[in-house]
C-alpha cells in the first residue's frame, strides 16, 4: 500500500481538541506505560506533572462546585422552613348561638388576641350558613378555609338552665366545635392549626369560667350546682376539635412526600441507563436526529410506565388504602397519577442531560429536587411569597392528587394532572430542540465528545493515535502491507488531513491474522472514524490511505 499525502494547508489549530505537533511531541515523545504502579502521584516527569495538574483541576473544581451548591441550592430548602409562618392561615368564627356565650367567644376570637396564634380569625354571620354547623363543616372539608370555629346553637340557654337547676349531664365541650382537615397538610395541622386552636380556646375557656364564677358567686343555687354538677362552674365553656379527614395512614407519607423524591431518583437511573445504552449500541452517533429523538422519548415513556406500575404495586404491598375516593378503580387512578408525575419530573432530566452532559446533570437534579420539595412541606400561604412558584411545581400538584386518592380530600385532580401534563409537554418540546442543537454542533466539531469533555477527549486521542502510529513503525510492512518508506511523523503532525488519514488507516488496517476480538471495532476506532469521515466530507478531498 502507498501513503496518500494531502497538501492541504488547513491549520491544525482548527481542530477542536488542539492536536498540535508541539503538544504531540512534548507529551507523547516516549511511549507511555499505563500499567498500575507505573506512575506515582508526585512524579516529576512531564507526564506525571500533567496528570497531577489534571487531577487537581478536576477534583478541586468539582469540590468548589459542591461548596457553591451549598450556598446557592440548599438555602432554597432552608429558606422554606425559616420563620414559618411568615403569615397566618385564615380561619372563620361563626356564632350559631346568638347568646352571651356566642357574642363573647366571637368577640374574643375576632379580635385576634394572642401573639401565639397562627390563625387569623374572621367572624362570619351565621346567615351565610343556613345549613348550620354541617354546612360550615363541608366548607372546611372542601378547602374553602383552613379551619373554623362554631359556637353551637342553644349554648347560652343550656348553660343558664344548668346554673339555675343543677344538671349532671351538662357538658361544656358541646359549646364550641372547631374543624380542621389534617390530611390536607399534616404539617400545617399538627404544628399550626391544632396548637393555635388549643392555645386560643384554652385561654378563652379559662376566661369564661372565671367570669361565670364571679357572676354566680352570690347565687342561691351555687351550692347545689357545685354538689350535683361541678363542671358547670369549673368548665362551663369548652371545645371539641373535629379532624374531618385525619392523616390516618402513616405509610402514606412514603407516597405523598418521600416517594416523590424517590421517583426523581428512579428517573435519574433510567436517564443514565438509556444514555449508556445509546453509547454502547452506537445509536448516539449513528441514528439520525429524528430517529434518536423518537428512540429517547419512546424508551423513557415505556420505562416510566412499567416502573410506575411496580412502584404503585409496592405501595399496595404495604396495605396503602387507595379506595376511599374512587373505590375499586382507585388503584388505576393511583398508578396513572404516579406515571404522569414520574414523566413530569424525570423527562426534564432526560431533556437536559444532552445539554448539561453526564457531569452536569447531577447538579441540576439536586436543584430540581430541592425546588420541588421546598414547596411540599407547608402550605404555600404561610411561606414567603417567593415560594408561590409552588402552585406550578410538579411535586406540589402530585402530592395534592395523591392525597385525594389516598385520603379522600377535596379533589383538584383536573388542575393537578393538567399542570403535570404541561410539564410533560414542555419536556417533549425541549428535548428535540436541545438534541437538534447539540447534534448540529457535533456535526461542526465531530472530534469533540460531549460526554468525555475537551481535556479528556484530547488525551484519549493523543494516546490512541500515538500507540497506533508507533505500532506501525515497530511492525513495518510485514503485517501492515507494502509500506515502501518510513512513516514521516513530522509531515503527518504538521498536516491535519494526513494526520487523520494515517490515524484512520491504523484503525482500519486489514485483519490479516488477527483474532476475532482484535477485529471488533474499538471506541477509539469509532471516534477516529467519525473524525476522518467528517473531515473528508467537509473538504471534498482526502481519499485515505490506499
Protein backbone atom coordinates (compact mmCIF):
# COMPACT_ATOMS: atom_id res chain seq x y z
CA UNK A 1 0.00 0.00 0.00
CA UNK A 2 1.07 3.57 -0.50
CA UNK A 3 0.52 6.60 1.62
CA UNK A 4 -1.68 9.32 0.14
CA UNK A 5 -0.37 12.69 1.24
CA UNK A 6 -2.78 15.61 1.32
CA UNK A 7 -1.20 19.01 0.65
CA UNK A 8 -3.98 20.93 2.36
CA UNK A 9 -2.79 23.99 4.21
CA UNK A 10 -5.56 23.81 6.82
CA UNK A 11 -4.17 24.76 10.19
CA UNK A 12 -4.03 22.11 12.86
CA UNK A 13 -5.21 24.77 15.32
CA UNK A 14 -8.64 24.50 13.78
CA UNK A 15 -9.06 21.09 15.38
CA UNK A 16 -11.33 21.43 18.46
CA UNK A 17 -9.03 19.24 20.54
CA UNK A 18 -5.98 21.31 19.62
CA UNK A 19 -3.88 18.45 18.23
CA UNK A 20 -0.65 20.31 17.51
CA UNK A 21 2.76 18.97 16.70
CA UNK A 22 4.40 20.69 19.67
CA UNK A 23 1.89 19.25 22.13
CA UNK A 24 2.10 15.86 20.46
CA UNK A 25 5.91 15.68 20.60
CA UNK A 26 6.22 17.13 24.12
CA UNK A 27 3.60 14.98 25.75
CA UNK A 28 3.96 11.70 23.90
CA UNK A 29 7.52 11.58 22.55
CA UNK A 30 8.06 8.46 24.62
CA UNK A 31 5.60 5.59 24.68
CA UNK A 32 3.52 5.92 27.83
CA UNK A 33 3.19 2.97 30.17
CA UNK A 34 -0.31 2.95 31.65
CA UNK A 35 0.07 -0.17 33.78
CA UNK A 36 -0.85 0.03 37.51
CA UNK A 37 2.11 1.19 39.56
CA UNK A 38 3.89 2.78 36.60
CA UNK A 39 3.33 6.30 37.94
CA UNK A 40 3.40 7.99 41.34
CA UNK A 41 1.27 10.94 42.39
CA UNK A 42 4.30 13.21 42.90
CA UNK A 43 6.04 12.01 39.74
CA UNK A 44 8.12 14.91 38.34
CA UNK A 45 8.14 13.71 34.75
CA UNK A 46 6.20 15.80 32.19
CA UNK A 47 3.53 13.11 32.06
CA UNK A 48 3.30 13.00 35.86
CA UNK A 49 3.05 16.78 36.12
CA UNK A 50 0.29 16.84 33.54
CA UNK A 51 -1.60 14.00 35.22
CA UNK A 52 -1.35 15.68 38.63
CA UNK A 53 -2.47 19.01 37.22
CA UNK A 54 -5.43 17.38 35.51
CA UNK A 55 -6.45 15.51 38.65
CA UNK A 56 -6.26 18.55 40.92
CA UNK A 57 -8.09 20.72 38.40
CA UNK A 58 -10.98 18.30 38.11
CA UNK A 59 -11.12 17.37 41.80
CA UNK A 60 -10.79 20.87 43.25
CA UNK A 61 -13.10 22.29 40.62
CA UNK A 62 -15.76 19.71 41.48
CA UNK A 63 -15.33 20.34 45.21
CA UNK A 64 -15.75 24.07 44.63
CA UNK A 65 -18.97 23.38 42.73
CA UNK A 66 -20.28 21.39 45.70
CA UNK A 67 -19.44 24.27 48.05
CA UNK A 68 -21.10 26.69 45.65
CA UNK A 69 -24.14 24.42 45.60
CA UNK A 70 -24.35 24.62 49.41
CA UNK A 71 -24.76 28.38 49.27
CA UNK A 72 -26.96 28.56 46.17
CA UNK A 73 -29.24 25.49 46.07
CA UNK A 74 -29.60 24.19 49.63
CA UNK A 75 -30.74 27.58 51.02
CA UNK A 76 -33.92 27.16 48.98
CA UNK A 77 -34.97 24.34 51.30
CA UNK A 78 -33.72 26.00 54.49
CA UNK A 79 -35.48 29.22 53.49
CA UNK A 80 -38.80 27.42 53.07
CA UNK A 81 -38.69 26.41 56.74
CA UNK A 82 -37.19 29.58 58.16
CA UNK A 83 -39.57 31.73 60.19
CA UNK A 84 -42.62 29.61 59.40
CA UNK A 85 -45.21 31.01 59.23
CA UNK A 86 -44.41 34.32 57.59
CA UNK A 87 -48.17 34.95 57.63
CA UNK A 88 -51.10 33.25 59.36
CA UNK A 89 -53.62 30.85 57.96
CA UNK A 90 -57.20 32.03 57.65
CA UNK A 91 -59.98 30.81 59.93
CA UNK A 92 -63.70 31.51 60.35
CA UNK A 93 -65.73 32.08 63.50
CA UNK A 94 -69.48 31.54 63.19
CA UNK A 95 -71.91 32.27 66.05
CA UNK A 96 -74.90 29.90 65.75
CA UNK A 97 -75.80 30.60 69.39
CA UNK A 98 -76.68 34.28 69.36
CA UNK A 99 -76.50 34.50 73.16
CA UNK A 100 -73.92 35.90 75.55
CA UNK A 101 -71.55 32.93 75.06
CA UNK A 102 -71.62 33.31 71.27
CA UNK A 103 -71.04 37.04 71.49
CA UNK A 104 -68.17 36.66 73.98
CA UNK A 105 -66.39 33.95 72.00
CA UNK A 106 -66.86 35.71 68.66
CA UNK A 107 -65.56 38.96 70.06
CA UNK A 108 -62.55 37.31 71.70
CA UNK A 109 -61.53 35.34 68.60
CA UNK A 110 -62.38 38.13 66.16
CA UNK A 111 -60.01 40.49 67.93
CA UNK A 112 -57.19 38.00 67.14
CA UNK A 113 -55.65 38.47 70.57
CA UNK A 114 -52.58 36.48 71.49
CA UNK A 115 -49.31 36.56 69.59
CA UNK A 116 -49.02 32.74 69.69
CA UNK A 117 -51.94 32.17 67.35
CA UNK A 118 -51.03 31.07 63.83
CA UNK A 119 -54.59 31.63 62.58
CA UNK A 120 -56.19 34.93 61.68
CA UNK A 121 -59.86 34.70 62.61
CA UNK A 122 -62.69 36.32 60.70
CA UNK A 123 -66.20 36.48 62.11
CA UNK A 124 -68.74 35.26 59.55
CA UNK A 125 -72.52 35.79 60.05
CA UNK A 126 -74.48 32.63 60.74
CA UNK A 127 -76.89 33.63 57.99
CA UNK A 128 -74.20 32.66 55.45
CA UNK A 129 -74.68 29.06 56.57
CA UNK A 130 -78.38 28.26 56.52
CA UNK A 131 -77.49 24.59 56.84
CA UNK A 132 -75.97 25.23 60.25
CA UNK A 133 -72.72 23.70 61.50
CA UNK A 134 -72.97 20.91 58.92
CA UNK A 135 -72.64 23.42 56.08
CA UNK A 136 -69.68 25.04 57.85
CA UNK A 137 -68.12 21.61 58.23
CA UNK A 138 -68.45 20.97 54.49
CA UNK A 139 -66.82 24.32 53.74
CA UNK A 140 -63.75 23.25 55.71
CA UNK A 141 -63.77 19.79 54.12
CA UNK A 142 -63.97 21.35 50.64
CA UNK A 143 -60.95 23.55 51.46
CA UNK A 144 -62.72 26.91 51.33
CA UNK A 145 -60.96 27.70 54.61
CA UNK A 146 -58.24 26.05 56.66
CA UNK A 147 -60.12 25.90 59.96
CA UNK A 148 -63.37 27.13 61.50
CA UNK A 149 -64.92 27.56 64.96
CA UNK A 150 -68.66 27.21 65.51
CA UNK A 151 -70.47 28.34 68.68
CA UNK A 152 -73.25 25.81 68.69
CA UNK A 153 -76.89 26.79 68.79
CA UNK A 154 -78.51 26.98 72.24
CA UNK A 155 -75.23 27.03 74.19
CA UNK A 156 -76.13 30.11 76.23
CA UNK A 157 -79.62 28.84 77.14
CA UNK A 158 -78.32 25.41 78.21
CA UNK A 159 -75.69 26.99 80.47
CA UNK A 160 -78.24 29.38 82.00
CA UNK A 161 -80.58 26.48 82.74
CA UNK A 162 -77.79 24.38 84.26
CA UNK A 163 -76.80 27.25 86.56
CA UNK A 164 -80.37 27.71 87.73
CA UNK A 165 -81.16 24.00 88.19
CA UNK A 166 -78.25 21.54 88.54
CA UNK A 167 -77.84 19.27 85.50
CA UNK A 168 -75.38 16.45 85.97
CA UNK A 169 -75.29 15.77 82.21
CA UNK A 170 -74.13 19.25 81.30
CA UNK A 171 -71.01 19.14 79.09
CA UNK A 172 -69.16 22.37 78.39
CA UNK A 173 -67.32 20.73 75.46
CA UNK A 174 -70.57 20.90 73.47
CA UNK A 175 -70.46 24.71 73.41
CA UNK A 176 -67.67 25.17 70.81
CA UNK A 177 -66.74 22.92 67.92
CA UNK A 178 -63.57 23.53 65.89
CA UNK A 179 -63.00 21.93 62.48
CA UNK A 180 -59.83 21.08 60.58
CA UNK A 181 -58.55 18.69 57.89
CA UNK A 182 -55.27 17.01 58.80
CA UNK A 183 -54.91 15.12 55.51
CA UNK A 184 -54.83 18.38 53.57
CA UNK A 185 -51.43 19.12 55.08
CA UNK A 186 -50.43 17.18 58.19
CA UNK A 187 -47.56 19.53 59.00
CA UNK A 188 -49.82 22.58 58.99
CA UNK A 189 -52.48 20.82 61.05
CA UNK A 190 -50.07 19.46 63.66
CA UNK A 191 -47.80 22.47 64.09
CA UNK A 192 -50.02 25.44 63.19
CA UNK A 193 -53.77 24.78 63.26
CA UNK A 194 -54.26 22.46 66.23
CA UNK A 195 -51.80 24.28 68.54
CA UNK A 196 -53.46 27.60 67.67
CA UNK A 197 -56.93 26.20 68.36
CA UNK A 198 -55.88 24.66 71.64
CA UNK A 199 -53.96 27.69 72.85
CA UNK A 200 -56.64 30.21 71.94
CA UNK A 201 -59.64 28.18 73.11
CA UNK A 202 -57.96 27.09 76.35
CA UNK A 203 -57.34 30.72 77.23
CA UNK A 204 -60.90 31.61 76.28
CA UNK A 205 -62.28 28.73 78.35
CA UNK A 206 -60.44 29.86 81.49
CA UNK A 207 -61.57 33.43 80.96
CA UNK A 208 -65.21 32.39 80.57
CA UNK A 209 -65.02 30.13 83.66
CA UNK A 210 -63.71 33.00 85.80
CA UNK A 211 -66.36 35.36 84.50
CA UNK A 212 -69.24 32.95 85.11
CA UNK A 213 -67.95 32.01 88.55
CA UNK A 214 -67.78 35.67 89.56
CA UNK A 215 -71.24 36.33 88.15
CA UNK A 216 -72.81 33.43 90.07
CA UNK A 217 -70.82 33.76 93.27
CA UNK A 218 -73.88 35.02 95.20
CA UNK A 219 -76.37 32.71 93.55
CA UNK A 220 -78.61 30.77 95.92
CA UNK A 221 -78.26 27.69 93.69
CA UNK A 222 -74.45 27.75 93.72
CA UNK A 223 -74.08 25.17 96.48
CA UNK A 224 -76.45 22.72 94.85
CA UNK A 225 -74.80 23.23 91.44
CA UNK A 226 -71.33 22.53 92.86
CA UNK A 227 -72.65 19.44 94.57
CA UNK A 228 -74.57 17.96 91.60
CA UNK A 229 -72.67 19.27 88.51
CA UNK A 230 -69.44 21.00 89.47
CA UNK A 231 -68.32 21.05 85.79
CA UNK A 232 -70.97 23.71 85.21
CA UNK A 233 -68.93 26.14 87.30
CA UNK A 234 -65.42 24.78 86.78
CA UNK A 235 -65.64 24.28 83.00
CA UNK A 236 -68.78 25.97 81.68
CA UNK A 237 -67.36 26.66 78.22
CA UNK A 238 -65.03 24.25 76.47
CA UNK A 239 -64.44 22.94 72.96
CA UNK A 240 -64.16 19.87 70.75
CA UNK A 241 -61.81 19.65 67.80
CA UNK A 242 -63.09 17.57 64.89
CA UNK A 243 -60.45 16.30 62.50
CA UNK A 244 -62.65 15.87 59.45
CA UNK A 245 -60.14 13.91 57.34
CA UNK A 246 -57.37 12.51 59.53
CA UNK A 247 -53.95 11.56 58.21
CA UNK A 248 -54.57 8.03 59.44
CA UNK A 249 -52.25 6.04 57.15
CA UNK A 250 -48.68 6.52 58.29
CA UNK A 251 -47.39 4.62 55.27
CA UNK A 252 -48.95 7.31 53.07
CA UNK A 253 -46.03 9.58 53.97
CA UNK A 254 -43.91 7.39 51.69
CA UNK A 255 -46.10 8.07 48.66
CA UNK A 256 -47.25 11.65 49.28
CA UNK A 257 -43.86 13.11 50.23
CA UNK A 258 -40.70 10.98 50.32
CA UNK A 259 -41.88 8.81 47.44
CA UNK A 260 -41.86 11.79 45.10
CA UNK A 261 -38.14 12.20 45.81
CA UNK A 262 -37.63 8.52 45.02
CA UNK A 263 -39.43 8.97 41.73
CA UNK A 264 -36.87 11.59 40.67
CA UNK A 265 -34.03 9.28 41.69
CA UNK A 266 -35.52 6.35 39.78
CA UNK A 267 -36.00 8.64 36.79
CA UNK A 268 -32.33 9.63 37.04
CA UNK A 269 -31.34 5.95 36.93
CA UNK A 270 -33.42 5.47 33.79
CA UNK A 271 -31.81 8.52 32.18
CA UNK A 272 -28.31 7.19 32.87
CA UNK A 273 -29.21 3.67 31.75
CA UNK A 274 -30.64 4.99 28.49
CA UNK A 275 -27.58 7.17 27.93
CA UNK A 276 -25.24 4.20 28.42
CA UNK A 277 -27.40 2.01 26.19
CA UNK A 278 -27.26 4.54 23.33
CA UNK A 279 -23.48 4.85 23.65
CA UNK A 280 -22.89 1.09 23.88
CA UNK A 281 -25.04 0.42 20.84
CA UNK A 282 -23.64 3.35 18.86
CA UNK A 283 -27.13 4.81 18.35
CA UNK A 284 -25.99 8.06 19.93
CA UNK A 285 -23.88 8.78 16.84
CA UNK A 286 -25.36 6.59 14.11
CA UNK A 287 -29.08 7.35 14.30
CA UNK A 288 -30.48 10.38 12.56
CA UNK A 289 -31.61 13.24 14.79
CA UNK A 290 -35.27 12.40 14.21
CA UNK A 291 -34.85 8.70 14.98
CA UNK A 292 -32.72 9.48 18.01
CA UNK A 293 -35.41 11.77 19.44
CA UNK A 294 -38.09 9.14 18.82
CA UNK A 295 -35.93 6.49 20.49
CA UNK A 296 -35.31 8.63 23.57
CA UNK A 297 -38.96 9.61 24.06
CA UNK A 298 -40.37 6.14 23.43
CA UNK A 299 -37.80 4.43 25.66
CA UNK A 300 -38.42 6.84 28.52
CA UNK A 301 -42.22 6.70 28.37
CA UNK A 302 -42.17 2.88 28.28
CA UNK A 303 -39.69 2.64 31.16
CA UNK A 304 -41.65 5.03 33.38
CA UNK A 305 -44.89 3.24 32.52
CA UNK A 306 -43.52 -0.04 33.87
CA UNK A 307 -41.64 1.47 36.80
CA UNK A 308 -44.68 3.43 37.97
CA UNK A 309 -46.74 0.22 37.83
CA UNK A 310 -44.37 -1.70 40.09
CA UNK A 311 -43.94 1.36 42.31
CA UNK A 312 -47.72 1.51 42.77
CA UNK A 313 -47.93 -2.22 43.44
CA UNK A 314 -45.23 -1.85 46.07
CA UNK A 315 -47.44 0.68 47.87
CA UNK A 316 -50.29 -1.83 47.85
CA UNK A 317 -47.98 -4.45 49.32
CA UNK A 318 -47.73 -2.24 52.42
CA UNK A 319 -51.54 -2.03 52.57
CA UNK A 320 -51.94 1.55 51.43
CA UNK A 321 -55.69 2.09 51.00
CA UNK A 322 -56.38 3.77 47.66
CA UNK A 323 -60.12 3.05 47.51
CA UNK A 324 -61.53 5.86 49.66
CA UNK A 325 -62.24 8.28 46.82
CA UNK A 326 -62.64 6.19 43.69
CA UNK A 327 -63.49 2.77 45.09
CA UNK A 328 -62.09 -0.23 43.23
CA UNK A 329 -60.82 1.99 40.45
CA UNK A 330 -58.59 3.80 42.92
CA UNK A 331 -55.54 1.74 42.04
CA UNK A 332 -55.72 2.58 38.34
CA UNK A 333 -56.05 6.27 39.19
CA UNK A 334 -53.17 5.96 41.67
CA UNK A 335 -51.00 4.27 39.05
CA UNK A 336 -51.77 6.77 36.29
CA UNK A 337 -51.14 9.77 38.56
CA UNK A 338 -47.78 8.32 39.57
CA UNK A 339 -46.98 7.61 35.92
CA UNK A 340 -47.76 11.17 34.83
CA UNK A 341 -45.89 12.53 37.85
CA UNK A 342 -42.81 10.46 37.01
CA UNK A 343 -42.95 11.68 33.41
CA UNK A 344 -43.21 15.27 34.62
CA UNK A 345 -40.15 15.13 36.88
CA UNK A 346 -37.94 12.65 35.00
CA UNK A 347 -38.39 13.78 31.40
CA UNK A 348 -36.86 17.09 32.44
CA UNK A 349 -33.67 15.18 33.32
CA UNK A 350 -33.82 13.27 30.03
CA UNK A 351 -34.15 16.52 28.14
CA UNK A 352 -31.32 18.39 29.85
CA UNK A 353 -28.72 15.61 30.04
CA UNK A 354 -27.93 16.26 26.37
CA UNK A 355 -27.06 19.87 27.14
CA UNK A 356 -25.57 19.53 30.63
CA UNK A 357 -23.84 16.18 29.94
CA UNK A 358 -23.38 13.39 32.46
CA UNK A 359 -21.12 15.56 34.60
CA UNK A 360 -23.57 18.45 34.92
CA UNK A 361 -26.93 16.69 35.25
CA UNK A 362 -26.46 15.72 38.97
CA UNK A 363 -26.26 19.42 39.90
CA UNK A 364 -29.50 20.14 38.06
CA UNK A 365 -31.14 17.09 39.62
CA UNK A 366 -30.34 18.41 43.09
CA UNK A 367 -31.78 21.81 42.18
CA UNK A 368 -34.86 20.11 40.73
CA UNK A 369 -35.39 18.08 43.92
CA UNK A 370 -34.81 20.96 46.33
CA UNK A 371 -37.02 23.38 44.40
CA UNK A 372 -39.86 20.84 44.43
CA UNK A 373 -39.53 19.54 47.98
CA UNK A 374 -39.37 23.06 49.43
CA UNK A 375 -42.96 23.80 48.39
CA UNK A 376 -44.37 20.45 49.53
CA UNK A 377 -43.86 20.68 53.30
CA UNK A 378 -46.08 23.54 54.50
CA UNK A 379 -48.96 25.38 52.84
CA UNK A 380 -47.78 27.99 50.39
CA UNK A 381 -49.96 30.52 52.21
CA UNK A 382 -47.61 30.55 55.24
CA UNK A 383 -44.36 30.63 53.23
CA UNK A 384 -42.53 33.66 51.82
CA UNK A 385 -44.07 34.94 48.61
CA UNK A 386 -41.05 33.81 46.56
CA UNK A 387 -42.25 30.23 47.00
CA UNK A 388 -45.55 30.88 45.24
CA UNK A 389 -43.99 29.20 42.21
CA UNK A 390 -45.01 26.02 44.02
CA UNK A 391 -48.52 26.26 42.60
CA UNK A 392 -46.99 25.19 39.28
CA UNK A 393 -44.38 22.78 40.73
CA UNK A 394 -44.73 19.05 39.90
CA UNK A 395 -44.32 17.83 43.49
CA UNK A 396 -46.96 20.18 44.88
CA UNK A 397 -49.57 19.06 42.36
CA UNK A 398 -48.59 15.41 42.51
CA UNK A 399 -48.95 15.47 46.29
CA UNK A 400 -52.41 17.07 46.11
CA UNK A 401 -53.59 14.46 43.62
CA UNK A 402 -52.25 11.57 45.70
CA UNK A 403 -53.87 12.92 48.89
CA UNK A 404 -57.21 12.96 47.12
CA UNK A 405 -56.81 9.30 46.16
CA UNK A 406 -55.44 8.06 49.49
CA UNK A 407 -57.45 10.16 51.99
CA UNK A 408 -60.39 11.49 50.04
CA UNK A 409 -59.57 15.18 50.38
CA UNK A 410 -61.08 17.84 48.13
CA UNK A 411 -60.40 16.83 44.54
CA UNK A 412 -58.26 19.16 42.46
CA UNK A 413 -57.44 16.26 40.15
CA UNK A 414 -58.16 18.09 36.91
CA UNK A 415 -55.99 21.06 37.79
CA UNK A 416 -53.16 18.99 39.30
CA UNK A 417 -52.98 16.46 36.46
CA UNK A 418 -53.25 19.28 33.93
CA UNK A 419 -50.17 21.00 35.40
CA UNK A 420 -48.25 17.72 35.43
CA UNK A 421 -49.14 17.13 31.78
CA UNK A 422 -47.99 20.65 30.97
CA UNK A 423 -44.54 19.74 32.36
CA UNK A 424 -44.54 16.60 30.21
CA UNK A 425 -45.33 18.66 27.11
CA UNK A 426 -42.58 21.15 27.95
CA UNK A 427 -40.05 18.33 28.18
CA UNK A 428 -41.30 16.77 24.94
CA UNK A 429 -40.71 20.13 23.22
CA UNK A 430 -37.34 20.98 24.78
CA UNK A 431 -35.84 17.51 24.28
CA UNK A 432 -36.00 17.62 20.45
CA UNK A 433 -34.81 21.24 20.39
CA UNK A 434 -31.82 20.54 22.62
CA UNK A 435 -30.98 17.33 20.76
CA UNK A 436 -31.10 19.17 17.42
CA UNK A 437 -28.93 21.99 18.76
CA UNK A 438 -26.30 19.65 20.22
CA UNK A 439 -26.28 17.38 17.16
CA UNK A 440 -25.73 20.40 14.91
CA UNK A 441 -22.74 21.48 16.98
CA UNK A 442 -21.38 17.94 17.00
CA UNK A 443 -21.58 17.88 13.20
CA UNK A 444 -19.48 21.03 13.05
CA UNK A 445 -16.93 19.75 15.58
CA UNK A 446 -17.12 15.95 15.40
CA UNK A 447 -13.95 15.27 17.36
CA UNK A 448 -15.31 16.94 20.47
CA UNK A 449 -17.07 14.34 22.57
CA UNK A 450 -19.62 15.99 24.84
CA UNK A 451 -19.66 13.04 27.19
CA UNK A 452 -15.87 12.95 27.68
CA UNK A 453 -15.13 16.66 27.77
CA UNK A 454 -12.44 18.59 25.90
CA UNK A 455 -9.45 17.67 28.05
CA UNK A 456 -10.36 14.00 28.32
CA UNK A 457 -11.07 13.60 24.61
CA UNK A 458 -7.77 15.31 23.75
CA UNK A 459 -5.79 12.92 25.93
CA UNK A 460 -7.78 9.98 24.62
CA UNK A 461 -6.98 10.86 21.00
CA UNK A 462 -3.32 11.54 21.77
CA UNK A 463 -2.91 8.15 23.47
CA UNK A 464 -4.81 6.24 20.82
CA UNK A 465 -3.14 7.77 17.77
CA UNK A 466 0.33 7.63 19.34
CA UNK A 467 0.14 3.93 20.11
CA UNK A 468 -1.26 3.08 16.69
CA UNK A 469 1.41 5.03 14.81
CA UNK A 470 4.24 3.54 16.86
CA UNK A 471 2.81 0.08 16.26
CA UNK A 472 3.19 0.72 12.51
CA UNK A 473 6.78 1.82 12.95
CA UNK A 474 7.66 -1.26 15.00
CA UNK A 475 5.91 -3.87 12.86
CA UNK A 476 6.59 -2.29 9.46
CA UNK A 477 5.26 -3.80 6.23
CA UNK A 478 5.32 -7.49 7.19
CA UNK A 479 2.00 -7.09 8.95
CA UNK A 480 0.58 -3.88 7.55
CA UNK A 481 1.24 -4.18 3.85
CA UNK A 482 3.80 -2.72 1.47
CA UNK A 483 4.97 0.48 3.11
CA UNK A 484 7.98 1.34 0.97
CA UNK A 485 9.34 4.08 3.20
CA UNK A 486 9.30 5.03 6.88
CA UNK A 487 6.33 6.96 8.17
CA UNK A 488 7.01 10.70 8.09
CA UNK A 489 5.74 11.71 11.56
CA UNK A 490 6.71 15.35 11.14
CA UNK A 491 4.68 15.68 7.96
CA UNK A 492 1.68 13.94 9.49
CA UNK A 493 1.79 16.10 12.60
CA UNK A 494 2.04 19.30 10.61
CA UNK A 495 -0.81 18.48 8.28
CA UNK A 496 -4.24 17.92 9.70
CA UNK A 497 -5.64 15.80 6.88
CA UNK A 498 -2.62 13.50 6.68
CA UNK A 499 -2.66 13.06 10.41
CA UNK A 500 -6.29 11.96 10.38
CA UNK A 501 -5.74 9.81 7.29
CA UNK A 502 -2.92 7.90 8.93
CA UNK A 503 -4.89 7.53 12.16
CA UNK A 504 -7.87 6.31 10.16
CA UNK A 505 -5.71 3.77 8.36
CA UNK A 506 -4.29 2.39 11.60
CA UNK A 507 -7.80 1.87 12.98
CA UNK A 508 -8.99 0.12 9.78
CA UNK A 509 -5.95 -1.93 8.71
CA UNK A 510 -6.56 -5.33 7.10
CA UNK A 511 -7.37 -8.03 9.61
CA UNK A 512 -4.56 -10.37 8.50
CA UNK A 513 -4.04 -13.00 11.17
CA UNK A 514 -5.83 -11.07 13.92
CA UNK A 515 -8.20 -12.89 16.23
CA UNK A 516 -11.92 -12.22 16.29
CA UNK A 517 -11.52 -9.98 19.34
CA UNK A 518 -8.98 -7.85 17.51
CA UNK A 519 -11.33 -7.45 14.54
CA UNK A 520 -14.00 -5.81 16.63
CA UNK A 521 -14.08 -2.02 16.33
CA UNK A 522 -12.97 -0.24 19.48
CA UNK A 523 -14.16 3.01 20.99
CA UNK A 524 -11.10 4.75 19.57
CA UNK A 525 -11.83 3.33 16.12
CA UNK A 526 -15.33 4.78 16.18
CA UNK A 527 -14.09 8.19 17.25
CA UNK A 528 -11.29 8.27 14.68
CA UNK A 529 -13.65 7.01 12.02
CA UNK A 530 -16.11 9.83 12.75
CA UNK A 531 -13.31 12.41 12.77
CA UNK A 532 -11.79 11.25 9.48
CA UNK A 533 -15.04 10.85 7.59
CA UNK A 534 -16.29 14.24 8.73
CA UNK A 535 -13.08 15.99 7.63
CA UNK A 536 -13.04 14.35 4.23
CA UNK A 537 -16.72 15.04 3.66
CA UNK A 538 -16.37 18.72 4.57
CA UNK A 539 -13.30 19.38 2.43
CA UNK A 540 -14.34 17.23 -0.52
CA UNK A 541 -10.98 15.52 -0.63
CA UNK A 542 -8.80 13.14 1.32
CA UNK A 543 -9.24 9.66 -0.05
CA UNK A 544 -7.47 7.98 2.90
CA UNK A 545 -4.61 5.51 2.75
CA UNK A 546 -4.92 3.04 -0.04
